C-alpha atoms as a PDB file:
ATOM      1  CA  UNK A   1      -7.162 115.455 203.622  1.00  0.00           C
ATOM      2  CA  UNK A   2      -4.348 114.624 201.246  1.00  0.00           C
ATOM      3  CA  UNK A   3      -0.942 116.181 200.770  1.00  0.00           C
ATOM      4  CA  UNK A   4       0.811 118.729 202.954  1.00  0.00           C
ATOM      5  CA  UNK A   5      -1.222 120.735 205.425  1.00  0.00           C
ATOM      6  CA  UNK A   6      -0.501 123.873 207.365  1.00  0.00           C
ATOM      7  CA  UNK A   7       1.509 123.527 210.543  1.00  0.00           C
ATOM      8  CA  UNK A   8      -0.363 122.351 213.618  1.00  0.00           C
ATOM      9  CA  UNK A   9       0.355 123.870 217.016  1.00  0.00           C
ATOM     10  CA  UNK A  10       2.838 121.694 218.907  1.00  0.00           C
ATOM     11  CA  UNK A  11       1.437 120.289 222.128  1.00  0.00           C
ATOM     12  CA  UNK A  12       2.436 117.252 224.114  1.00  0.00           C
ATOM     13  CA  UNK A  13       0.045 114.301 224.262  1.00  0.00           C
ATOM     14  CA  UNK A  14       0.179 111.621 226.885  1.00  0.00           C
ATOM     15  CA  UNK A  15      -1.107 108.810 224.708  1.00  0.00           C
ATOM     16  CA  UNK A  16      -4.127 106.571 224.692  1.00  0.00           C
ATOM     17  CA  UNK A  17      -4.598 104.494 227.849  1.00  0.00           C
ATOM     18  CA  UNK A  18      -7.443 102.550 226.243  1.00  0.00           C
ATOM     19  CA  UNK A  19      -5.082 101.037 223.677  1.00  0.00           C
ATOM     20  CA  UNK A  20      -2.130 100.847 226.065  1.00  0.00           C
ATOM     21  CA  UNK A  21      -0.154 103.779 224.635  1.00  0.00           C
ATOM     22  CA  UNK A  22       1.250 105.055 227.916  1.00  0.00           C
ATOM     23  CA  UNK A  23       4.892 104.850 228.897  1.00  0.00           C
ATOM     24  CA  UNK A  24       3.947 104.124 232.496  1.00  0.00           C
ATOM     25  CA  UNK A  25       2.118 100.879 231.814  1.00  0.00           C
ATOM     26  CA  UNK A  26       3.902  97.774 233.158  1.00  0.00           C
ATOM     27  CA  UNK A  27       5.250  95.117 230.872  1.00  0.00           C
ATOM     28  CA  UNK A  28       3.245  91.919 231.145  1.00  0.00           C
ATOM     29  CA  UNK A  29       4.403  88.317 230.990  1.00  0.00           C
ATOM     30  CA  UNK A  30       4.509  87.050 227.431  1.00  0.00           C
ATOM     31  CA  UNK A  31       4.428  83.574 225.972  1.00  0.00           C
ATOM     32  CA  UNK A  32       7.739  82.114 224.882  1.00  0.00           C
ATOM     33  CA  UNK A  33       7.675  79.464 222.166  1.00  0.00           C
ATOM     34  CA  UNK A  34      10.393  76.875 222.566  1.00  0.00           C
ATOM     35  CA  UNK A  35      10.523  75.493 219.053  1.00  0.00           C
ATOM     36  CA  UNK A  36      10.401  76.826 215.528  1.00  0.00           C
ATOM     37  CA  UNK A  37       7.782  75.737 213.033  1.00  0.00           C
ATOM     38  CA  UNK A  38       9.443  74.288 209.946  1.00  0.00           C
ATOM     39  CA  UNK A  39       8.143  75.125 206.454  1.00  0.00           C
ATOM     40  CA  UNK A  40       5.016  73.211 205.493  1.00  0.00           C
ATOM     41  CA  UNK A  41       3.212  72.658 202.208  1.00  0.00           C
ATOM     42  CA  UNK A  42       2.884  75.765 199.998  1.00  0.00           C
ATOM     43  CA  UNK A  43       0.448  78.338 201.294  1.00  0.00           C
ATOM     44  CA  UNK A  44      -2.825  78.887 199.471  1.00  0.00           C
ATOM     45  CA  UNK A  45      -4.250  82.417 199.153  1.00  0.00           C
ATOM     46  CA  UNK A  46      -6.246  83.370 202.224  1.00  0.00           C
ATOM     47  CA  UNK A  47      -4.616  80.864 204.572  1.00  0.00           C
ATOM     48  CA  UNK A  48      -2.844  82.059 207.717  1.00  0.00           C
ATOM     49  CA  UNK A  49       0.288  80.325 208.967  1.00  0.00           C
ATOM     50  CA  UNK A  50       1.849  80.790 212.399  1.00  0.00           C
ATOM     51  CA  UNK A  51       5.618  81.289 212.444  1.00  0.00           C
ATOM     52  CA  UNK A  52       7.788  81.087 215.568  1.00  0.00           C
ATOM     53  CA  UNK A  53      11.346  81.910 216.602  1.00  0.00           C
ATOM     54  CA  UNK A  54      12.707  80.664 219.955  1.00  0.00           C
ATOM     55  CA  UNK A  55      14.390  83.091 222.380  1.00  0.00           C
ATOM     56  CA  UNK A  56      17.903  82.086 221.312  1.00  0.00           C
ATOM     57  CA  UNK A  57      17.100  83.193 217.758  1.00  0.00           C
ATOM     58  CA  UNK A  58      15.045  86.272 218.639  1.00  0.00           C
ATOM     59  CA  UNK A  59      16.107  87.416 222.121  1.00  0.00           C
ATOM     60  CA  UNK A  60      15.032  88.036 224.737  1.00  0.00           C
ATOM     61  CA  UNK A  61      11.579  86.416 224.546  1.00  0.00           C
ATOM     62  CA  UNK A  62      11.285  84.787 221.120  1.00  0.00           C
ATOM     63  CA  UNK A  63       9.083  85.974 218.285  1.00  0.00           C
ATOM     64  CA  UNK A  64       5.915  85.012 216.422  1.00  0.00           C
ATOM     65  CA  UNK A  65       4.194  86.149 213.251  1.00  0.00           C
ATOM     66  CA  UNK A  66       1.247  85.313 211.051  1.00  0.00           C
ATOM     67  CA  UNK A  67       1.679  84.991 207.294  1.00  0.00           C
ATOM     68  CA  UNK A  68      -1.144  85.054 204.771  1.00  0.00           C
ATOM     69  CA  UNK A  69      -0.450  84.610 201.082  1.00  0.00           C
ATOM     70  CA  UNK A  70      -2.007  87.106 198.688  1.00  0.00           C
ATOM     71  CA  UNK A  71      -3.584  86.654 195.277  1.00  0.00           C
ATOM     72  CA  UNK A  72      -1.143  85.594 192.573  1.00  0.00           C
ATOM     73  CA  UNK A  73       2.432  84.374 192.719  1.00  0.00           C
ATOM     74  CA  UNK A  74       3.674  87.965 192.438  1.00  0.00           C
ATOM     75  CA  UNK A  75       1.490  89.452 195.179  1.00  0.00           C
ATOM     76  CA  UNK A  76       3.086  92.380 197.037  1.00  0.00           C
ATOM     77  CA  UNK A  77       3.883  91.906 200.724  1.00  0.00           C
ATOM     78  CA  UNK A  78       2.867  94.187 203.596  1.00  0.00           C
ATOM     79  CA  UNK A  79       4.487  93.966 207.026  1.00  0.00           C
ATOM     80  CA  UNK A  80       1.799  95.218 209.436  1.00  0.00           C
ATOM     81  CA  UNK A  81       2.758  96.168 212.999  1.00  0.00           C
ATOM     82  CA  UNK A  82       0.164  96.154 215.793  1.00  0.00           C
ATOM     83  CA  UNK A  83      -0.285  98.627 218.643  1.00  0.00           C
ATOM     84  CA  UNK A  84       0.734  98.459 222.266  1.00  0.00           C
ATOM     85  CA  UNK A  85      -2.590  97.008 223.370  1.00  0.00           C
ATOM     86  CA  UNK A  86      -1.542  93.660 221.884  1.00  0.00           C
ATOM     87  CA  UNK A  87       2.078  93.653 223.014  1.00  0.00           C
ATOM     88  CA  UNK A  88       1.369  92.543 226.581  1.00  0.00           C
ATOM     89  CA  UNK A  89      -0.900  89.614 225.700  1.00  0.00           C
ATOM     90  CA  UNK A  90       1.643  87.080 224.492  1.00  0.00           C
ATOM     91  CA  UNK A  91       3.463  86.426 221.241  1.00  0.00           C
ATOM     92  CA  UNK A  92       0.607  84.686 219.439  1.00  0.00           C
ATOM     93  CA  UNK A  93      -2.058  87.184 220.529  1.00  0.00           C
ATOM     94  CA  UNK A  94       0.153  90.049 219.386  1.00  0.00           C
ATOM     95  CA  UNK A  95       0.975  88.465 216.053  1.00  0.00           C
ATOM     96  CA  UNK A  96      -2.737  87.777 215.518  1.00  0.00           C
ATOM     97  CA  UNK A  97      -3.795  91.351 216.242  1.00  0.00           C
ATOM     98  CA  UNK A  98      -4.609  92.426 212.711  1.00  0.00           C
ATOM     99  CA  UNK A  99      -6.521  89.222 211.995  1.00  0.00           C
ATOM    100  CA  UNK A 100      -8.357  88.742 215.275  1.00  0.00           C
ATOM    101  CA  UNK A 101      -8.580  92.151 216.982  1.00  0.00           C
ATOM    102  CA  UNK A 102      -8.586  94.491 213.978  1.00  0.00           C
ATOM    103  CA  UNK A 103     -10.691  92.168 211.777  1.00  0.00           C
ATOM    104  CA  UNK A 104      -8.714  93.122 208.702  1.00  0.00           C
ATOM    105  CA  UNK A 105     -10.357  90.444 206.561  1.00  0.00           C
ATOM    106  CA  UNK A 106     -13.833  91.891 207.144  1.00  0.00           C
ATOM    107  CA  UNK A 107     -12.861  95.204 205.571  1.00  0.00           C
ATOM    108  CA  UNK A 108     -10.865  93.412 202.893  1.00  0.00           C
ATOM    109  CA  UNK A 109     -14.015  91.537 201.842  1.00  0.00           C
ATOM    110  CA  UNK A 110     -15.584  94.895 200.983  1.00  0.00           C
ATOM    111  CA  UNK A 111     -12.545  95.892 198.936  1.00  0.00           C
ATOM    112  CA  UNK A 112     -12.668  92.568 197.088  1.00  0.00           C
ATOM    113  CA  UNK A 113     -16.358  93.134 196.343  1.00  0.00           C
ATOM    114  CA  UNK A 114     -15.431  96.440 194.727  1.00  0.00           C
ATOM    115  CA  UNK A 115     -17.657  98.701 196.784  1.00  0.00           C
ATOM    116  CA  UNK A 116     -16.993 100.632 199.977  1.00  0.00           C
ATOM    117  CA  UNK A 117     -19.376 102.722 202.069  1.00  0.00           C
ATOM    118  CA  UNK A 118     -19.084 104.794 205.213  1.00  0.00           C
ATOM    119  CA  UNK A 119     -20.952 102.051 207.084  1.00  0.00           C
ATOM    120  CA  UNK A 120     -18.258  99.566 206.011  1.00  0.00           C
ATOM    121  CA  UNK A 121     -15.760 101.803 207.812  1.00  0.00           C
ATOM    122  CA  UNK A 122     -17.791 102.102 210.991  1.00  0.00           C
ATOM    123  CA  UNK A 123     -19.067 105.513 209.911  1.00  0.00           C
ATOM    124  CA  UNK A 124     -15.554 106.965 210.227  1.00  0.00           C
ATOM    125  CA  UNK A 125     -15.265 108.377 206.711  1.00  0.00           C
ATOM    126  CA  UNK A 126     -16.135 111.601 204.939  1.00  0.00           C
ATOM    127  CA  UNK A 127     -18.085 111.597 201.690  1.00  0.00           C
ATOM    128  CA  UNK A 128     -15.003 112.864 199.843  1.00  0.00           C
ATOM    129  CA  UNK A 129     -12.858 110.038 201.193  1.00  0.00           C
ATOM    130  CA  UNK A 130     -15.433 107.401 200.269  1.00  0.00           C
ATOM    131  CA  UNK A 131     -15.576 108.805 196.738  1.00  0.00           C
ATOM    132  CA  UNK A 132     -11.784 108.623 196.438  1.00  0.00           C
ATOM    133  CA  UNK A 133     -11.623 105.043 197.714  1.00  0.00           C
ATOM    134  CA  UNK A 134     -14.518 103.961 195.495  1.00  0.00           C
ATOM    135  CA  UNK A 135     -13.004 105.611 192.417  1.00  0.00           C
ATOM    136  CA  UNK A 136      -9.794 103.653 192.974  1.00  0.00           C
ATOM    137  CA  UNK A 137     -11.675 100.361 193.348  1.00  0.00           C
ATOM    138  CA  UNK A 138     -13.701 101.110 190.217  1.00  0.00           C
ATOM    139  CA  UNK A 139     -10.601 101.892 188.176  1.00  0.00           C
ATOM    140  CA  UNK A 140      -8.989  98.522 188.976  1.00  0.00           C
ATOM    141  CA  UNK A 141     -10.081  95.545 191.041  1.00  0.00           C
ATOM    142  CA  UNK A 142      -8.419  95.081 194.411  1.00  0.00           C
ATOM    143  CA  UNK A 143      -6.286  91.946 194.795  1.00  0.00           C
ATOM    144  CA  UNK A 144      -5.234  90.576 198.154  1.00  0.00           C
ATOM    145  CA  UNK A 145      -1.611  91.337 199.083  1.00  0.00           C
ATOM    146  CA  UNK A 146       0.450  88.990 201.212  1.00  0.00           C
ATOM    147  CA  UNK A 147       0.199  90.008 204.882  1.00  0.00           C
ATOM    148  CA  UNK A 148       2.965  89.464 207.415  1.00  0.00           C
ATOM    149  CA  UNK A 149       2.023  90.443 210.974  1.00  0.00           C
ATOM    150  CA  UNK A 150       4.749  89.976 213.606  1.00  0.00           C
ATOM    151  CA  UNK A 151       4.528  90.376 217.344  1.00  0.00           C
ATOM    152  CA  UNK A 152       5.850  93.837 218.307  1.00  0.00           C
ATOM    153  CA  UNK A 153       7.639  94.202 221.642  1.00  0.00           C
ATOM    154  CA  UNK A 154       7.211  97.207 223.904  1.00  0.00           C
ATOM    155  CA  UNK A 155      10.611  98.878 223.821  1.00  0.00           C
ATOM    156  CA  UNK A 156      11.963 100.587 226.933  1.00  0.00           C
ATOM    157  CA  UNK A 157      14.140 102.772 224.684  1.00  0.00           C
ATOM    158  CA  UNK A 158      11.676 104.240 222.201  1.00  0.00           C
ATOM    159  CA  UNK A 159      14.315 105.969 220.081  1.00  0.00           C
ATOM    160  CA  UNK A 160      15.397 104.758 216.648  1.00  0.00           C
ATOM    161  CA  UNK A 161      18.507 103.320 218.308  1.00  0.00           C
ATOM    162  CA  UNK A 162      16.258 101.382 220.679  1.00  0.00           C
ATOM    163  CA  UNK A 163      14.391  99.928 217.700  1.00  0.00           C
ATOM    164  CA  UNK A 164      17.570  98.569 216.084  1.00  0.00           C
ATOM    165  CA  UNK A 165      17.085  95.015 217.349  1.00  0.00           C
ATOM    166  CA  UNK A 166      13.468  94.760 216.214  1.00  0.00           C
ATOM    167  CA  UNK A 167      14.342  96.368 212.866  1.00  0.00           C
ATOM    168  CA  UNK A 168      17.030  93.746 212.313  1.00  0.00           C
ATOM    169  CA  UNK A 169      14.579  90.961 213.126  1.00  0.00           C
ATOM    170  CA  UNK A 170      11.976  92.325 210.681  1.00  0.00           C
ATOM    171  CA  UNK A 171      14.378  93.064 207.841  1.00  0.00           C
ATOM    172  CA  UNK A 172      16.442  89.898 208.121  1.00  0.00           C
ATOM    173  CA  UNK A 173      14.813  86.979 209.920  1.00  0.00           C
ATOM    174  CA  UNK A 174      11.145  87.809 209.347  1.00  0.00           C
ATOM    175  CA  UNK A 175      11.380  88.601 205.637  1.00  0.00           C
ATOM    176  CA  UNK A 176      13.709  85.671 204.972  1.00  0.00           C
ATOM    177  CA  UNK A 177      11.383  83.240 206.739  1.00  0.00           C
ATOM    178  CA  UNK A 178       8.362  84.603 204.872  1.00  0.00           C
ATOM    179  CA  UNK A 179      10.202  84.035 201.602  1.00  0.00           C
ATOM    180  CA  UNK A 180      10.912  80.428 202.572  1.00  0.00           C
ATOM    181  CA  UNK A 181       7.252  79.835 203.365  1.00  0.00           C
ATOM    182  CA  UNK A 182       6.078  81.522 200.146  1.00  0.00           C
ATOM    183  CA  UNK A 183       8.640  79.780 197.962  1.00  0.00           C
ATOM    184  CA  UNK A 184      10.066  83.108 196.758  1.00  0.00           C
ATOM    185  CA  UNK A 185      11.840  86.095 198.252  1.00  0.00           C
ATOM    186  CA  UNK A 186       9.679  89.161 197.640  1.00  0.00           C
ATOM    187  CA  UNK A 187      11.787  91.987 196.123  1.00  0.00           C
ATOM    188  CA  UNK A 188      12.019  95.415 197.678  1.00  0.00           C
ATOM    189  CA  UNK A 189       9.802  97.039 195.031  1.00  0.00           C
ATOM    190  CA  UNK A 190       6.971  94.746 196.163  1.00  0.00           C
ATOM    191  CA  UNK A 191       7.405  95.234 199.928  1.00  0.00           C
ATOM    192  CA  UNK A 192       5.692  97.706 202.244  1.00  0.00           C
ATOM    193  CA  UNK A 193       5.610  98.311 205.979  1.00  0.00           C
ATOM    194  CA  UNK A 194       2.917  99.961 208.076  1.00  0.00           C
ATOM    195  CA  UNK A 195       1.638  99.993 211.621  1.00  0.00           C
ATOM    196  CA  UNK A 196      -0.871 101.460 213.969  1.00  0.00           C
ATOM    197  CA  UNK A 197      -0.109 103.554 217.066  1.00  0.00           C
ATOM    198  CA  UNK A 198       3.013 101.985 218.621  1.00  0.00           C
ATOM    199  CA  UNK A 199       3.352  99.974 215.415  1.00  0.00           C
ATOM    200  CA  UNK A 200       3.139 103.165 213.340  1.00  0.00           C
ATOM    201  CA  UNK A 201       6.025 104.610 215.298  1.00  0.00           C
ATOM    202  CA  UNK A 202       8.014 101.411 214.754  1.00  0.00           C
ATOM    203  CA  UNK A 203       7.268 101.483 211.019  1.00  0.00           C
ATOM    204  CA  UNK A 204       8.700 105.003 210.756  1.00  0.00           C
ATOM    205  CA  UNK A 205      11.768 104.001 212.773  1.00  0.00           C
ATOM    206  CA  UNK A 206      12.401 100.935 210.608  1.00  0.00           C
ATOM    207  CA  UNK A 207      12.126 103.126 207.504  1.00  0.00           C
ATOM    208  CA  UNK A 208      14.690 105.480 209.040  1.00  0.00           C
ATOM    209  CA  UNK A 209      17.052 102.647 209.940  1.00  0.00           C
ATOM    210  CA  UNK A 210      16.577 100.475 206.841  1.00  0.00           C
ATOM    211  CA  UNK A 211      15.069 102.533 203.988  1.00  0.00           C
ATOM    212  CA  UNK A 212      16.473 100.129 201.402  1.00  0.00           C
ATOM    213  CA  UNK A 213      14.096  97.395 202.570  1.00  0.00           C
ATOM    214  CA  UNK A 214      10.655  98.812 201.730  1.00  0.00           C
ATOM    215  CA  UNK A 215       9.154 100.644 198.756  1.00  0.00           C
ATOM    216  CA  UNK A 216       6.122 101.866 200.715  1.00  0.00           C
ATOM    217  CA  UNK A 217       6.024 103.105 204.306  1.00  0.00           C
ATOM    218  CA  UNK A 218       2.923 103.965 206.273  1.00  0.00           C
ATOM    219  CA  UNK A 219       2.122 105.069 209.816  1.00  0.00           C
ATOM    220  CA  UNK A 220      -1.451 105.116 211.129  1.00  0.00           C
ATOM    221  CA  UNK A 221      -2.108 107.184 214.239  1.00  0.00           C
ATOM    222  CA  UNK A 222       1.615 106.797 215.079  1.00  0.00           C
ATOM    223  CA  UNK A 223       2.468 107.173 218.764  1.00  0.00           C
ATOM    224  CA  UNK A 224       4.792 110.151 218.390  1.00  0.00           C
ATOM    225  CA  UNK A 225       5.213 113.350 220.415  1.00  0.00           C
ATOM    226  CA  UNK A 226       5.112 116.857 219.010  1.00  0.00           C
ATOM    227  CA  UNK A 227       8.536 117.634 220.470  1.00  0.00           C
ATOM    228  CA  UNK A 228      10.235 114.967 218.364  1.00  0.00           C
ATOM    229  CA  UNK A 229       8.637 115.677 214.984  1.00  0.00           C
ATOM    230  CA  UNK A 230      11.483 117.847 213.651  1.00  0.00           C
ATOM    231  CA  UNK A 231      14.050 115.163 214.431  1.00  0.00           C
ATOM    232  CA  UNK A 232      11.789 112.522 212.869  1.00  0.00           C
ATOM    233  CA  UNK A 233      11.357 114.637 209.748  1.00  0.00           C
ATOM    234  CA  UNK A 234      15.126 115.169 209.507  1.00  0.00           C
ATOM    235  CA  UNK A 235      15.752 111.434 209.808  1.00  0.00           C
ATOM    236  CA  UNK A 236      13.047 110.570 207.268  1.00  0.00           C
ATOM    237  CA  UNK A 237      14.505 113.121 204.854  1.00  0.00           C
ATOM    238  CA  UNK A 238      17.931 111.486 205.096  1.00  0.00           C
ATOM    239  CA  UNK A 239      16.434 108.003 204.739  1.00  0.00           C
ATOM    240  CA  UNK A 240      14.372 109.044 201.728  1.00  0.00           C
ATOM    241  CA  UNK A 241      17.467 110.444 200.022  1.00  0.00           C
ATOM    242  CA  UNK A 242      19.333 107.183 200.672  1.00  0.00           C
ATOM    243  CA  UNK A 243      16.596 104.993 199.191  1.00  0.00           C
ATOM    244  CA  UNK A 244      13.332 106.692 198.129  1.00  0.00           C
ATOM    245  CA  UNK A 245      10.040 105.219 199.293  1.00  0.00           C
ATOM    246  CA  UNK A 246       6.394 106.261 199.093  1.00  0.00           C
ATOM    247  CA  UNK A 247       5.363 107.617 202.493  1.00  0.00           C
ATOM    248  CA  UNK A 248       1.838 107.993 203.896  1.00  0.00           C
ATOM    249  CA  UNK A 249       0.600 109.218 207.296  1.00  0.00           C
ATOM    250  CA  UNK A 250      -2.927 108.641 208.619  1.00  0.00           C
ATOM    251  CA  UNK A 251      -4.591 110.112 211.695  1.00  0.00           C
ATOM    252  CA  UNK A 252      -8.128 110.794 212.877  1.00  0.00           C
ATOM    253  CA  UNK A 253     -10.002 113.651 214.470  1.00  0.00           C
ATOM    254  CA  UNK A 254     -10.190 111.829 217.803  1.00  0.00           C
ATOM    255  CA  UNK A 255      -6.587 110.625 217.758  1.00  0.00           C
ATOM    256  CA  UNK A 256      -4.591 111.975 220.739  1.00  0.00           C
ATOM    257  CA  UNK A 257      -1.533 111.932 218.476  1.00  0.00           C
ATOM    258  CA  UNK A 258      -3.202 114.066 215.760  1.00  0.00           C
ATOM    259  CA  UNK A 259      -1.382 117.263 216.753  1.00  0.00           C
ATOM    260  CA  UNK A 260       1.989 115.524 216.591  1.00  0.00           C
ATOM    261  CA  UNK A 261       1.202 113.764 213.299  1.00  0.00           C
ATOM    262  CA  UNK A 262       0.102 117.093 211.846  1.00  0.00           C
ATOM    263  CA  UNK A 263       3.363 118.657 213.005  1.00  0.00           C
ATOM    264  CA  UNK A 264       5.304 115.835 211.346  1.00  0.00           C
ATOM    265  CA  UNK A 265       3.333 116.380 208.130  1.00  0.00           C
ATOM    266  CA  UNK A 266       4.233 120.077 208.190  1.00  0.00           C
ATOM    267  CA  UNK A 267       7.899 119.356 208.958  1.00  0.00           C
ATOM    268  CA  UNK A 268       8.109 116.884 206.076  1.00  0.00           C
ATOM    269  CA  UNK A 269       6.520 119.432 203.745  1.00  0.00           C
ATOM    270  CA  UNK A 270       9.080 122.055 204.825  1.00  0.00           C
ATOM    271  CA  UNK A 271      11.834 119.608 203.876  1.00  0.00           C
ATOM    272  CA  UNK A 272      10.139 118.736 200.559  1.00  0.00           C
ATOM    273  CA  UNK A 273       9.834 115.065 201.510  1.00  0.00           C
ATOM    274  CA  UNK A 274       7.062 113.632 199.293  1.00  0.00           C
ATOM    275  CA  UNK A 275       4.258 112.096 201.323  1.00  0.00           C
ATOM    276  CA  UNK A 276       0.505 111.764 201.732  1.00  0.00           C
ATOM    277  CA  UNK A 277      -1.465 112.750 204.819  1.00  0.00           C
ATOM    278  CA  UNK A 278      -4.989 111.433 205.424  1.00  0.00           C
ATOM    279  CA  UNK A 279      -7.237 112.507 208.308  1.00  0.00           C
ATOM    280  CA  UNK A 280     -10.487 110.634 208.928  1.00  0.00           C
ATOM    281  CA  UNK A 281     -13.203 110.936 211.538  1.00  0.00           C
ATOM    282  CA  UNK A 282     -13.018 108.588 214.490  1.00  0.00           C
ATOM    283  CA  UNK A 283     -11.209 107.731 217.729  1.00  0.00           C
ATOM    284  CA  UNK A 284      -7.898 106.107 218.588  1.00  0.00           C
ATOM    285  CA  UNK A 285      -9.507 102.773 219.315  1.00  0.00           C
ATOM    286  CA  UNK A 286     -10.327  99.305 217.984  1.00  0.00           C
ATOM    287  CA  UNK A 287     -13.448 100.556 216.207  1.00  0.00           C
ATOM    288  CA  UNK A 288     -11.219 102.757 214.040  1.00  0.00           C
ATOM    289  CA  UNK A 289      -8.711  99.967 213.496  1.00  0.00           C
ATOM    290  CA  UNK A 290     -11.513  97.754 212.138  1.00  0.00           C
ATOM    291  CA  UNK A 291     -12.672 100.442 209.714  1.00  0.00           C
ATOM    292  CA  UNK A 292     -10.459 103.172 208.259  1.00  0.00           C
ATOM    293  CA  UNK A 293      -7.298 101.656 209.728  1.00  0.00           C
ATOM    294  CA  UNK A 294      -7.647  98.365 207.884  1.00  0.00           C
ATOM    295  CA  UNK A 295      -8.960  99.907 204.654  1.00  0.00           C
ATOM    296  CA  UNK A 296      -6.338 102.648 204.413  1.00  0.00           C
ATOM    297  CA  UNK A 297      -3.489 100.231 205.117  1.00  0.00           C
ATOM    298  CA  UNK A 298      -4.598  97.656 202.555  1.00  0.00           C
ATOM    299  CA  UNK A 299      -5.547  99.977 199.715  1.00  0.00           C
ATOM    300  CA  UNK A 300      -2.554 102.298 199.995  1.00  0.00           C
ATOM    301  CA  UNK A 301       0.080  99.582 199.827  1.00  0.00           C
ATOM    302  CA  UNK A 302      -1.787  97.332 197.385  1.00  0.00           C
ATOM    303  CA  UNK A 303      -2.293 100.214 194.947  1.00  0.00           C
ATOM    304  CA  UNK A 304       1.231 101.643 195.074  1.00  0.00           C
ATOM    305  CA  UNK A 305       3.057  98.298 195.127  1.00  0.00           C
ATOM    306  CA  UNK A 306       1.089  97.206 192.066  1.00  0.00           C
ATOM    307  CA  UNK A 307       2.146 100.359 190.215  1.00  0.00           C
ATOM    308  CA  UNK A 308      -1.020 102.407 190.707  1.00  0.00           C
ATOM    309  CA  UNK A 309      -1.756 105.732 192.385  1.00  0.00           C
ATOM    310  CA  UNK A 310      -2.888 105.720 195.994  1.00  0.00           C
ATOM    311  CA  UNK A 311      -6.363 107.179 196.547  1.00  0.00           C
END
């Protein structure tokens, strides 16, 4: 489903315990790197580089990220934020979530080959959605974007104000360091941010706090509650007026946050905030992350940031 939909009944969801999306889960001990990796030789496309920040530079626990260069010296850059399931496993495990747990390169190989099937997406795709994705790939070959995947902390204060510190890290330290490693600072018109579950919520909050930083904003199965969707829509409307960006929401039929994401879609439509809304089959789980989650993230940002239309 694309575009605005009718309003969805507002009900409260408690989250997904399987992926760790529950406010009652304890914070776990996380690794704390003590030294920063200095820039190395230029990255080649497809290579992943680990980046670290010690606690005194990224309090309270330090930070880590993976960086993978895309195809071409002008490749767009996507900041991808993992879910809560990775946030309690240490800085490196969290930063590696998209590569190791979500297997983003496996789906990307299908996009690079120029063909995509429902089986490639774990069966979590309608025939109409496969046709739309395939038509986009046929119209122009997919090229790998640069991927930047930081560790995402579990925030005790889940409001936009509570996300201020992480937003500052992403928009200042993370992007600056990525530019140093790439040998160029990627301009705003070539930068996107997205995330899944807890990371989808963070992506929306960073867009609200710093809309001037990203040209594309996505949220996949974002961990939001129906009772906060009006306030989120108001904040996104203000942010979009300050510095317009292309916005896309994704959920799935088995997503416990579907009702809330649908309510946010309706609230954005009421405020005439341009956006896309995609609903696929599938659960709120790793199997979905490794199929539609990876494909929708990559193709949306790669298409729009390269000046094309999103499927």
